[in-house]
């Protein structure tokens, strides 16, 4: 059975504890995408990483470990969640997955946080163990995201890049809506 794991990014601490803000897995386009996949027969899960404002890889890994991930699994990550998938797959050369879509991937390219979250050896052969890897990036996103995309292109062969001009960090505010049809279209494309 086809499945999907949709992994959110890292909110700042204030947003995480804001009682008026949705949880990270329920923010932006995640609920909409999950619903679209579910109604089309893809069992989609949106894990909620506890204390996700902190970059603690073991906590993120523990949350993701609850899900069965195999060649029928689509992986979608936003920002830090996208970076997580690269490390996860790099450290597991025995895992094959379906399509991987990285939205505004962030891998702390300037080592601003110094947590070790992104200290790992990249597997340049990841692509061969996936149904394809696509990166979404917008020209008006942060410099650190552009540097992350550049580094990922250097380290991983055959990555497909889809560039936008005015989508910012692909949040509800920068998209101007909770829907993300371009992402859904890419997930379904061959």
Foldseek 3Di string as FASTA:
>chain_A
DAEEEEEFAADAPCLCPPPVHDQRCPFFQNVVVCVVCVVVPYHYDYFGQPPSNDLDLVSVCVRVVVDDFAQRYEYEYAACGLLSVQQVLQVCVPGAYEEYEYQLYAQCVVCPPVPCSNVDQGDQASQVRYNAYEYEDEPQEDPRSVVVVVVCPVRHPPYHYDYHHFQYSNGCVRPVHRHDVVVVVVVPDD
